[in-house]
């Protein structure tokens, strides 16, 4: 990766970490639990298929041809995302 781009990426990661720490400190000061995070993925019917979309980016991560399969796929994607964030903390 180009050095300037790497500097930018690391700077943004530092800012994201500081934001998370400040939010945690804020909720600790007021004595309330932090609100739970909302869903990261949703299933949207498009034609005869169900597209699984990442809410934050709007990108389609996959598609299924039944609602039940799409909901299983959403649950699996949520579980993977949750496991990735829990190992970072």
PDB file of N, CA and C in Angstrom:
ATOM      1  N   UNK A   1       0.844  -1.166   0.000  1.00  0.00           N
ATOM      2  CA  UNK A   1       0.000   0.000   0.000  1.00  0.00           C
ATOM      3  C   UNK A   1       0.899   1.243   0.000  1.00  0.00           C
ATOM      4  N   UNK A   2       0.453   2.259  -0.682  1.00  0.00           N
ATOM      5  CA  UNK A   2       1.213   3.496  -0.761  1.00  0.00           C
ATOM      6  C   UNK A   2       1.351   4.099   0.645  1.00  0.00           C
ATOM      7  N   UNK A   3       2.517   4.653   0.985  1.00  0.00           N
ATOM      8  CA  UNK A   3       2.740   5.166   2.346  1.00  0.00           C
ATOM      9  C   UNK A   3       1.724   6.219   2.789  1.00  0.00           C
ATOM     10  N   UNK A   4       1.354   7.121   1.904  1.00  0.00           N
ATOM     11  CA  UNK A   4       0.386   8.161   2.300  1.00  0.00           C
ATOM     12  C   UNK A   4      -0.993   7.561   2.546  1.00  0.00           C
ATOM     13  N   UNK A   5      -1.355   6.586   1.738  1.00  0.00           N
ATOM     14  CA  UNK A   5      -2.632   5.914   1.942  1.00  0.00           C
ATOM     15  C   UNK A   5      -2.613   5.132   3.244  1.00  0.00           C
ATOM     16  N   UNK A   6      -1.493   4.486   3.534  1.00  0.00           N
ATOM     17  CA  UNK A   6      -1.355   3.745   4.795  1.00  0.00           C
ATOM     18  C   UNK A   6      -1.460   4.690   5.981  1.00  0.00           C
ATOM     19  N   UNK A   7      -0.857   5.893   5.889  1.00  0.00           N
ATOM     20  CA  UNK A   7      -0.972   6.887   6.959  1.00  0.00           C
ATOM     21  C   UNK A   7      -2.428   7.281   7.170  1.00  0.00           C
ATOM     22  N   UNK A   8      -3.135   7.474   6.084  1.00  0.00           N
ATOM     23  CA  UNK A   8      -4.549   7.864   6.163  1.00  0.00           C
ATOM     24  C   UNK A   8      -5.380   6.764   6.819  1.00  0.00           C
ATOM     25  N   UNK A   9      -5.154   5.522   6.413  1.00  0.00           N
ATOM     26  CA  UNK A   9      -5.898   4.392   6.969  1.00  0.00           C
ATOM     27  C   UNK A   9      -5.617   4.249   8.461  1.00  0.00           C
ATOM     28  N   UNK A  10      -4.347   4.349   8.848  1.00  0.00           N
ATOM     29  CA  UNK A  10      -4.021   4.211  10.272  1.00  0.00           C
ATOM     30  C   UNK A  10      -4.562   5.387  11.075  1.00  0.00           C
ATOM     31  N   UNK A  11      -4.558   6.585  10.492  1.00  0.00           N
ATOM     32  CA  UNK A  11      -5.129   7.746  11.177  1.00  0.00           C
ATOM     33  C   UNK A  11      -6.621   7.586  11.414  1.00  0.00           C
ATOM     34  N   UNK A  12      -7.329   7.090  10.415  1.00  0.00           N
ATOM     35  CA  UNK A  12      -8.772   6.864  10.562  1.00  0.00           C
ATOM     36  C   UNK A  12      -9.057   5.760  11.583  1.00  0.00           C
ATOM     37  N   UNK A  13      -8.221   4.731  11.609  1.00  0.00           N
ATOM     38  CA  UNK A  13      -8.403   3.660  12.593  1.00  0.00           C
ATOM     39  C   UNK A  13      -8.203   4.200  14.008  1.00  0.00           C
ATOM     40  N   UNK A  14      -7.202   5.080  14.187  1.00  0.00           N
ATOM     41  CA  UNK A  14      -6.977   5.693  15.500  1.00  0.00           C
ATOM     42  C   UNK A  14      -8.171   6.545  15.917  1.00  0.00           C
ATOM     43  N   UNK A  15      -8.707   7.324  14.978  1.00  0.00           N
ATOM     44  CA  UNK A  15      -9.868   8.155  15.294  1.00  0.00           C
ATOM     45  C   UNK A  15     -11.083   7.301  15.652  1.00  0.00           C
ATOM     46  N   UNK A  16     -11.256   6.179  14.945  1.00  0.00           N
ATOM     47  CA  UNK A  16     -12.374   5.279  15.237  1.00  0.00           C
ATOM     48  C   UNK A  16     -12.232   4.686  16.635  1.00  0.00           C
ATOM     49  N   UNK A  17     -11.008   4.324  17.008  1.00  0.00           N
ATOM     50  CA  UNK A  17     -10.765   3.767  18.343  1.00  0.00           C
ATOM     51  C   UNK A  17     -11.026   4.810  19.420  1.00  0.00           C
ATOM     52  N   UNK A  18     -10.575   6.056  19.185  1.00  0.00           N
ATOM     53  CA  UNK A  18     -10.823   7.126  20.168  1.00  0.00           C
ATOM     54  C   UNK A  18     -12.310   7.413  20.316  1.00  0.00           C
ATOM     55  N   UNK A  19     -13.040   7.348  19.208  1.00  0.00           N
ATOM     56  CA  UNK A  19     -14.486   7.570  19.261  1.00  0.00           C
ATOM     57  C   UNK A  19     -15.158   6.494  20.101  1.00  0.00           C
ATOM     58  N   UNK A  20     -14.759   5.251  19.913  1.00  0.00           N
ATOM     59  CA  UNK A  20     -15.343   4.153  20.689  1.00  0.00           C
ATOM     60  C   UNK A  20     -15.027   4.305  22.179  1.00  0.00           C
ATOM     61  N   UNK A  21     -13.791   4.700  22.497  1.00  0.00           N
ATOM     62  CA  UNK A  21     -13.427   4.892  23.904  1.00  0.00           C
ATOM     63  C   UNK A  21     -14.212   6.045  24.522  1.00  0.00           C
ATOM     64  N   UNK A  22     -14.362   7.145  23.780  1.00  0.00           N
ATOM     65  CA  UNK A  22     -15.099   8.299  24.302  1.00  0.00           C
ATOM     66  C   UNK A  22     -16.568   7.951  24.528  1.00  0.00           C
ATOM     67  N   UNK A  23     -17.145   7.185  23.625  1.00  0.00           N
ATOM     68  CA  UNK A  23     -18.545   6.780  23.787  1.00  0.00           C
ATOM     69  C   UNK A  23     -18.710   5.891  25.017  1.00  0.00           C
ATOM     70  N   UNK A  24     -17.794   4.956  25.196  1.00  0.00           N
ATOM     71  CA  UNK A  24     -17.857   4.070  26.368  1.00  0.00           C
ATOM     72  C   UNK A  24     -17.705   4.872  27.660  1.00  0.00           C
ATOM     73  N   UNK A  25     -16.781   5.833  27.672  1.00  0.00           N
ATOM     74  CA  UNK A  25     -16.591   6.675  28.860  1.00  0.00           C
ATOM     75  C   UNK A  25     -17.834   7.502  29.151  1.00  0.00           C
ATOM     76  N   UNK A  26     -18.472   8.016  28.103  1.00  0.00           N
ATOM     77  CA  UNK A  26     -19.679   8.811  28.290  1.00  0.00           C
ATOM     78  C   UNK A  26     -20.769   7.992  28.961  1.00  0.00           C
ATOM     79  N   UNK A  27     -21.038   6.814  28.446  1.00  0.00           N
ATOM     80  CA  UNK A  27     -22.082   5.982  29.044  1.00  0.00           C
ATOM     81  C   UNK A  27     -21.705   5.542  30.449  1.00  0.00           C
ATOM     82  N   UNK A  28     -20.433   5.367  30.713  1.00  0.00           N
ATOM     83  CA  UNK A  28     -19.981   5.006  32.064  1.00  0.00           C
ATOM     84  C   UNK A  28     -20.221   6.161  33.032  1.00  0.00           C
ATOM     85  N   UNK A  29     -20.000   7.392  32.576  1.00  0.00           N
ATOM     86  CA  UNK A  29     -20.191   8.567  33.430  1.00  0.00           C
ATOM     87  C   UNK A  29     -21.651   8.777  33.799  1.00  0.00           C
ATOM     88  N   UNK A  30     -22.549   8.538  32.867  1.00  0.00           N
ATOM     89  CA  UNK A  30     -23.958   8.760  33.182  1.00  0.00           C
ATOM     90  C   UNK A  30     -24.614   7.541  33.818  1.00  0.00           C
ATOM     91  N   UNK A  31     -23.860   6.456  33.919  1.00  0.00           N
ATOM     92  CA  UNK A  31     -24.371   5.269  34.596  1.00  0.00           C
ATOM     93  C   UNK A  31     -25.405   4.488  33.828  1.00  0.00           C
ATOM     94  N   UNK A  32     -25.363   4.553  32.539  1.00  0.00           N
ATOM     95  CA  UNK A  32     -26.308   3.808  31.709  1.00  0.00           C
ATOM     96  C   UNK A  32     -25.547   2.832  30.815  1.00  0.00           C
ATOM     97  N   UNK A  33     -26.189   1.739  30.465  1.00  0.00           N
ATOM     98  CA  UNK A  33     -25.530   0.815  29.528  1.00  0.00           C
ATOM     99  C   UNK A  33     -25.547   1.401  28.116  1.00  0.00           C
ATOM    100  N   UNK A  34     -24.532   1.091  27.372  1.00  0.00           N
ATOM    101  CA  UNK A  34     -24.469   1.557  25.983  1.00  0.00           C
ATOM    102  C   UNK A  34     -25.581   0.888  25.174  1.00  0.00           C
ATOM    103  N   UNK A  35     -26.176   1.608  24.236  1.00  0.00           N
ATOM    104  CA  UNK A  35     -27.248   1.000  23.435  1.00  0.00           C
ATOM    105  C   UNK A  35     -26.695  -0.105  22.548  1.00  0.00           C
ATOM    106  N   UNK A  36     -27.487  -1.132  22.320  1.00  0.00           N
ATOM    107  CA  UNK A  36     -27.019  -2.221  21.448  1.00  0.00           C
ATOM    108  C   UNK A  36     -26.939  -1.732  20.004  1.00  0.00           C
ATOM    109  N   UNK A  37     -26.036  -2.327  19.259  1.00  0.00           N
ATOM    110  CA  UNK A  37     -25.898  -1.986  17.850  1.00  0.00           C
ATOM    111  C   UNK A  37     -27.057  -2.588  17.073  1.00  0.00           C
ATOM    112  N   UNK A  38     -27.470  -1.894  16.031  1.00  0.00           N
ATOM    113  CA  UNK A  38     -28.554  -2.377  15.193  1.00  0.00           C
ATOM    114  C   UNK A  38     -28.075  -3.464  14.248  1.00  0.00           C
ATOM    115  N   UNK A  39     -28.968  -3.967  13.430  1.00  0.00           N
ATOM    116  CA  UNK A  39     -28.583  -5.013  12.479  1.00  0.00           C
ATOM    117  C   UNK A  39     -27.624  -4.458  11.420  1.00  0.00           C
ATOM    118  N   UNK A  40     -26.734  -5.301  10.940  1.00  0.00           N
ATOM    119  CA  UNK A  40     -25.773  -4.892   9.914  1.00  0.00           C
ATOM    120  C   UNK A  40     -26.239  -5.270   8.516  1.00  0.00           C
ATOM    121  N   UNK A  41     -27.081  -6.298   8.435  1.00  0.00           N
ATOM    122  CA  UNK A  41     -27.521  -6.815   7.138  1.00  0.00           C
ATOM    123  C   UNK A  41     -29.035  -6.918   7.105  1.00  0.00           C
ATOM    124  N   UNK A  42     -29.600  -6.845   5.896  1.00  0.00           N
ATOM    125  CA  UNK A  42     -31.035  -7.053   5.738  1.00  0.00           C
ATOM    126  C   UNK A  42     -31.295  -7.746   4.415  1.00  0.00           C
ATOM    127  N   UNK A  43     -32.419  -8.443   4.366  1.00  0.00           N
ATOM    128  CA  UNK A  43     -32.830  -9.133   3.149  1.00  0.00           C
ATOM    129  C   UNK A  43     -33.895  -8.287   2.453  1.00  0.00           C
ATOM    130  N   UNK A  44     -33.694  -8.049   1.158  1.00  0.00           N
ATOM    131  CA  UNK A  44     -34.602  -7.218   0.379  1.00  0.00           C
ATOM    132  C   UNK A  44     -35.039  -8.011  -0.847  1.00  0.00           C
ATOM    133  N   UNK A  45     -36.354  -8.063  -1.085  1.00  0.00           N
ATOM    134  CA  UNK A  45     -36.883  -8.774  -2.250  1.00  0.00           C
ATOM    135  C   UNK A  45     -36.658  -7.936  -3.496  1.00  0.00           C
ATOM    136  N   UNK A  46     -35.994  -8.538  -4.486  1.00  0.00           N
ATOM    137  CA  UNK A  46     -35.774  -7.880  -5.776  1.00  0.00           C
ATOM    138  C   UNK A  46     -36.083  -8.905  -6.859  1.00  0.00           C
ATOM    139  N   UNK A  47     -37.227  -8.749  -7.467  1.00  0.00           N
ATOM    140  CA  UNK A  47     -37.654  -9.720  -8.476  1.00  0.00           C
ATOM    141  C   UNK A  47     -37.981 -11.046  -7.812  1.00  0.00           C
ATOM    142  N   UNK A  48     -37.412 -12.118  -8.318  1.00  0.00           N
ATOM    143  CA  UNK A  48     -37.656 -13.448  -7.742  1.00  0.00           C
ATOM    144  C   UNK A  48     -36.591 -13.840  -6.736  1.00  0.00           C
ATOM    145  N   UNK A  49     -35.645 -12.957  -6.458  1.00  0.00           N
ATOM    146  CA  UNK A  49     -34.551 -13.269  -5.529  1.00  0.00           C
ATOM    147  C   UNK A  49     -34.606 -12.348  -4.314  1.00  0.00           C
ATOM    148  N   UNK A  50     -33.976 -12.797  -3.256  1.00  0.00           N
ATOM    149  CA  UNK A  50     -33.811 -12.000  -2.037  1.00  0.00           C
ATOM    150  C   UNK A  50     -32.345 -11.603  -1.954  1.00  0.00           C
ATOM    151  N   UNK A  51     -32.072 -10.302  -1.990  1.00  0.00           N
ATOM    152  CA  UNK A  51     -30.708  -9.811  -1.895  1.00  0.00           C
ATOM    153  C   UNK A  51     -30.380  -9.526  -0.429  1.00  0.00           C
ATOM    154  N   UNK A  52     -29.225  -9.977   0.015  1.00  0.00           N
ATOM    155  CA  UNK A  52     -28.761  -9.682   1.367  1.00  0.00           C
ATOM    156  C   UNK A  52     -27.830  -8.485   1.249  1.00  0.00           C
ATOM    157  N   UNK A  53     -28.240  -7.374   1.883  1.00  0.00           N
ATOM    158  CA  UNK A  53     -27.557  -6.101   1.719  1.00  0.00           C
ATOM    159  C   UNK A  53     -26.939  -5.666   3.032  1.00  0.00           C
ATOM    160  N   UNK A  54     -25.694  -5.176   2.971  1.00  0.00           N
ATOM    161  CA  UNK A  54     -25.056  -4.577   4.137  1.00  0.00           C
ATOM    162  C   UNK A  54     -25.620  -3.167   4.278  1.00  0.00           C
ATOM    163  N   UNK A  55     -26.231  -2.866   5.405  1.00  0.00           N
ATOM    164  CA  UNK A  55     -26.938  -1.609   5.584  1.00  0.00           C
ATOM    165  C   UNK A  55     -25.992  -0.414   5.516  1.00  0.00           C
ATOM    166  N   UNK A  56     -24.815  -0.511   6.118  1.00  0.00           N
ATOM    167  CA  UNK A  56     -23.896   0.619   6.184  1.00  0.00           C
ATOM    168  C   UNK A  56     -23.413   1.066   4.805  1.00  0.00           C
ATOM    169  N   UNK A  57     -23.162   0.124   3.915  1.00  0.00           N
ATOM    170  CA  UNK A  57     -22.604   0.464   2.611  1.00  0.00           C
ATOM    171  C   UNK A  57     -23.613   0.380   1.473  1.00  0.00           C
ATOM    172  N   UNK A  58     -24.683  -0.371   1.669  1.00  0.00           N
ATOM    173  CA  UNK A  58     -25.657  -0.565   0.606  1.00  0.00           C
ATOM    174  C   UNK A  58     -25.238  -1.599  -0.419  1.00  0.00           C
ATOM    175  N   UNK A  59     -24.138  -2.304  -0.154  1.00  0.00           N
ATOM    176  CA  UNK A  59     -23.643  -3.312  -1.089  1.00  0.00           C
ATOM    177  C   UNK A  59     -24.354  -4.643  -0.893  1.00  0.00           C
ATOM    178  N   UNK A  60     -24.636  -5.325  -1.982  1.00  0.00           N
ATOM    179  CA  UNK A  60     -25.237  -6.651  -1.928  1.00  0.00           C
ATOM    180  C   UNK A  60     -24.145  -7.663  -1.609  1.00  0.00           C
ATOM    181  N   UNK A  61     -24.338  -8.433  -0.542  1.00  0.00           N
ATOM    182  CA  UNK A  61     -23.352  -9.422  -0.118  1.00  0.00           C
ATOM    183  C   UNK A  61     -23.685 -10.820  -0.617  1.00  0.00           C
ATOM    184  N   UNK A  62     -24.905 -11.019  -1.069  1.00  0.00           N
ATOM    185  CA  UNK A  62     -25.313 -12.314  -1.583  1.00  0.00           C
ATOM    186  C   UNK A  62     -26.791 -12.289  -1.917  1.00  0.00           C
ATOM    187  N   UNK A  63     -27.273 -13.383  -2.469  1.00  0.00           N
ATOM    188  CA  UNK A  63     -28.708 -13.463  -2.752  1.00  0.00           C
ATOM    189  C   UNK A  63     -29.169 -14.899  -2.648  1.00  0.00           C
ATOM    190  N   UNK A  64     -30.461 -15.050  -2.370  1.00  0.00           N
ATOM    191  CA  UNK A  64     -31.086 -16.366  -2.223  1.00  0.00           C
ATOM    192  C   UNK A  64     -32.421 -16.330  -2.961  1.00  0.00           C
ATOM    193  N   UNK A  65     -32.983 -17.515  -3.174  1.00  0.00           N
ATOM    194  CA  UNK A  65     -34.237 -17.580  -3.904  1.00  0.00           C
ATOM    195  C   UNK A  65     -35.425 -17.945  -3.028  1.00  0.00           C
ATOM    196  N   UNK A  66     -35.230 -17.981  -1.701  1.00  0.00           N
ATOM    197  CA  UNK A  66     -36.356 -18.145  -0.789  1.00  0.00           C
ATOM    198  C   UNK A  66     -36.122 -17.250   0.429  1.00  0.00           C
ATOM    199  N   UNK A  67     -37.204 -16.843   1.026  1.00  0.00           N
ATOM    200  CA  UNK A  67     -37.109 -15.963   2.187  1.00  0.00           C
ATOM    201  C   UNK A  67     -36.405 -16.669   3.338  1.00  0.00           C
ATOM    202  N   UNK A  68     -36.723 -17.912   3.567  1.00  0.00           N
ATOM    203  CA  UNK A  68     -36.114 -18.674   4.662  1.00  0.00           C
ATOM    204  C   UNK A  68     -34.589 -18.761   4.483  1.00  0.00           C
ATOM    205  N   UNK A  69     -34.138 -19.049   3.267  1.00  0.00           N
ATOM    206  CA  UNK A  69     -32.697 -19.127   3.006  1.00  0.00           C
ATOM    207  C   UNK A  69     -32.041 -17.760   3.178  1.00  0.00           C
ATOM    208  N   UNK A  70     -32.724 -16.712   2.749  1.00  0.00           N
ATOM    209  CA  UNK A  70     -32.172 -15.368   2.893  1.00  0.00           C
ATOM    210  C   UNK A  70     -32.026 -15.000   4.369  1.00  0.00           C
ATOM    211  N   UNK A  71     -33.010 -15.368   5.197  1.00  0.00           N
ATOM    212  CA  UNK A  71     -32.926 -15.046   6.624  1.00  0.00           C
ATOM    213  C   UNK A  71     -31.818 -15.853   7.296  1.00  0.00           C
ATOM    214  N   UNK A  72     -31.621 -17.098   6.882  1.00  0.00           N
ATOM    215  CA  UNK A  72     -30.498 -17.889   7.416  1.00  0.00           C
ATOM    216  C   UNK A  72     -29.170 -17.253   7.025  1.00  0.00           C
ATOM    217  N   UNK A  73     -29.091 -16.767   5.793  1.00  0.00           N
ATOM    218  CA  UNK A  73     -27.872 -16.115   5.328  1.00  0.00           C
ATOM    219  C   UNK A  73     -27.614 -14.824   6.108  1.00  0.00           C
ATOM    220  N   UNK A  74     -28.655 -14.035   6.360  1.00  0.00           N
ATOM    221  CA  UNK A  74     -28.531 -12.814   7.165  1.00  0.00           C
ATOM    222  C   UNK A  74     -28.036 -13.161   8.566  1.00  0.00           C
ATOM    223  N   UNK A  75     -28.630 -14.177   9.182  1.00  0.00           N
ATOM    224  CA  UNK A  75     -28.199 -14.591  10.524  1.00  0.00           C
ATOM    225  C   UNK A  75     -26.738 -15.026  10.530  1.00  0.00           C
ATOM    226  N   UNK A  76     -26.323 -15.747   9.506  1.00  0.00           N
ATOM    227  CA  UNK A  76     -24.927 -16.191   9.420  1.00  0.00           C
ATOM    228  C   UNK A  76     -23.992 -14.999   9.250  1.00  0.00           C
ATOM    229  N   UNK A  77     -24.361 -14.047   8.413  1.00  0.00           N
ATOM    230  CA  UNK A  77     -23.524 -12.860   8.212  1.00  0.00           C
ATOM    231  C   UNK A  77     -23.438 -12.034   9.496  1.00  0.00           C
ATOM    232  N   UNK A  78     -24.547 -11.920  10.229  1.00  0.00           N
ATOM    233  CA  UNK A  78     -24.537 -11.186  11.508  1.00  0.00           C
ATOM    234  C   UNK A  78     -23.621 -11.887  12.507  1.00  0.00           C
ATOM    235  N   UNK A  79     -23.659 -13.218  12.555  1.00  0.00           N
ATOM    236  CA  UNK A  79     -22.830 -13.968  13.486  1.00  0.00           C
ATOM    237  C   UNK A  79     -21.350 -13.779  13.156  1.00  0.00           C
ATOM    238  N   UNK A  80     -21.008 -13.824  11.881  1.00  0.00           N
ATOM    239  CA  UNK A  80     -19.615 -13.619  11.472  1.00  0.00           C
ATOM    240  C   UNK A  80     -19.149 -12.225  11.831  1.00  0.00           C
ATOM    241  N   UNK A  81     -19.984 -11.236  11.564  1.00  0.00           N
ATOM    242  CA  UNK A  81     -19.618  -9.846  11.879  1.00  0.00           C
ATOM    243  C   UNK A  81     -19.463  -9.654  13.385  1.00  0.00           C
ATOM    244  N   UNK A  82     -20.337 -10.274  14.160  1.00  0.00           N
ATOM    245  CA  UNK A  82     -20.245 -10.162  15.625  1.00  0.00           C
ATOM    246  C   UNK A  82     -18.986 -10.822  16.148  1.00  0.00           C
ATOM    247  N   UNK A  83     -18.610 -11.954  15.572  1.00  0.00           N
ATOM    248  CA  UNK A  83     -17.409 -12.632  16.041  1.00  0.00           C
ATOM    249  C   UNK A  83     -16.150 -11.846  15.672  1.00  0.00           C
ATOM    250  N   UNK A  84     -16.176 -11.158  14.545  1.00  0.00           N
ATOM    251  CA  UNK A  84     -15.025 -10.348  14.151  1.00  0.00           C
ATOM    252  C   UNK A  84     -14.860  -9.139  15.064  1.00  0.00           C
ATOM    253  N   UNK A  85     -15.954  -8.496  15.453  1.00  0.00           N
ATOM    254  CA  UNK A  85     -15.842  -7.333  16.312  1.00  0.00           C
ATOM    255  C   UNK A  85     -15.531  -7.704  17.746  1.00  0.00           C
ATOM    256  N   UNK A  86     -15.962  -8.872  18.209  1.00  0.00           N
ATOM    257  CA  UNK A  86     -15.702  -9.250  19.596  1.00  0.00           C
ATOM    258  C   UNK A  86     -14.238  -9.622  19.809  1.00  0.00           C
ATOM    259  N   UNK A  87     -13.538 -10.080  18.764  1.00  0.00           N
ATOM    260  CA  UNK A  87     -12.132 -10.420  18.918  1.00  0.00           C
ATOM    261  C   UNK A  87     -11.249  -9.188  18.894  1.00  0.00           C
ATOM    262  N   UNK A  88     -11.732  -8.069  18.335  1.00  0.00           N
ATOM    263  CA  UNK A  88     -10.948  -6.846  18.270  1.00  0.00           C
ATOM    264  C   UNK A  88     -10.899  -6.108  19.589  1.00  0.00           C
ATOM    265  N   UNK A  89     -11.904  -6.284  20.424  1.00  0.00           N
ATOM    266  CA  UNK A  89     -11.995  -5.486  21.649  1.00  0.00           C
ATOM    267  C   UNK A  89     -11.046  -5.913  22.689  1.00  0.00           C
TER     268      UNK A  89
END
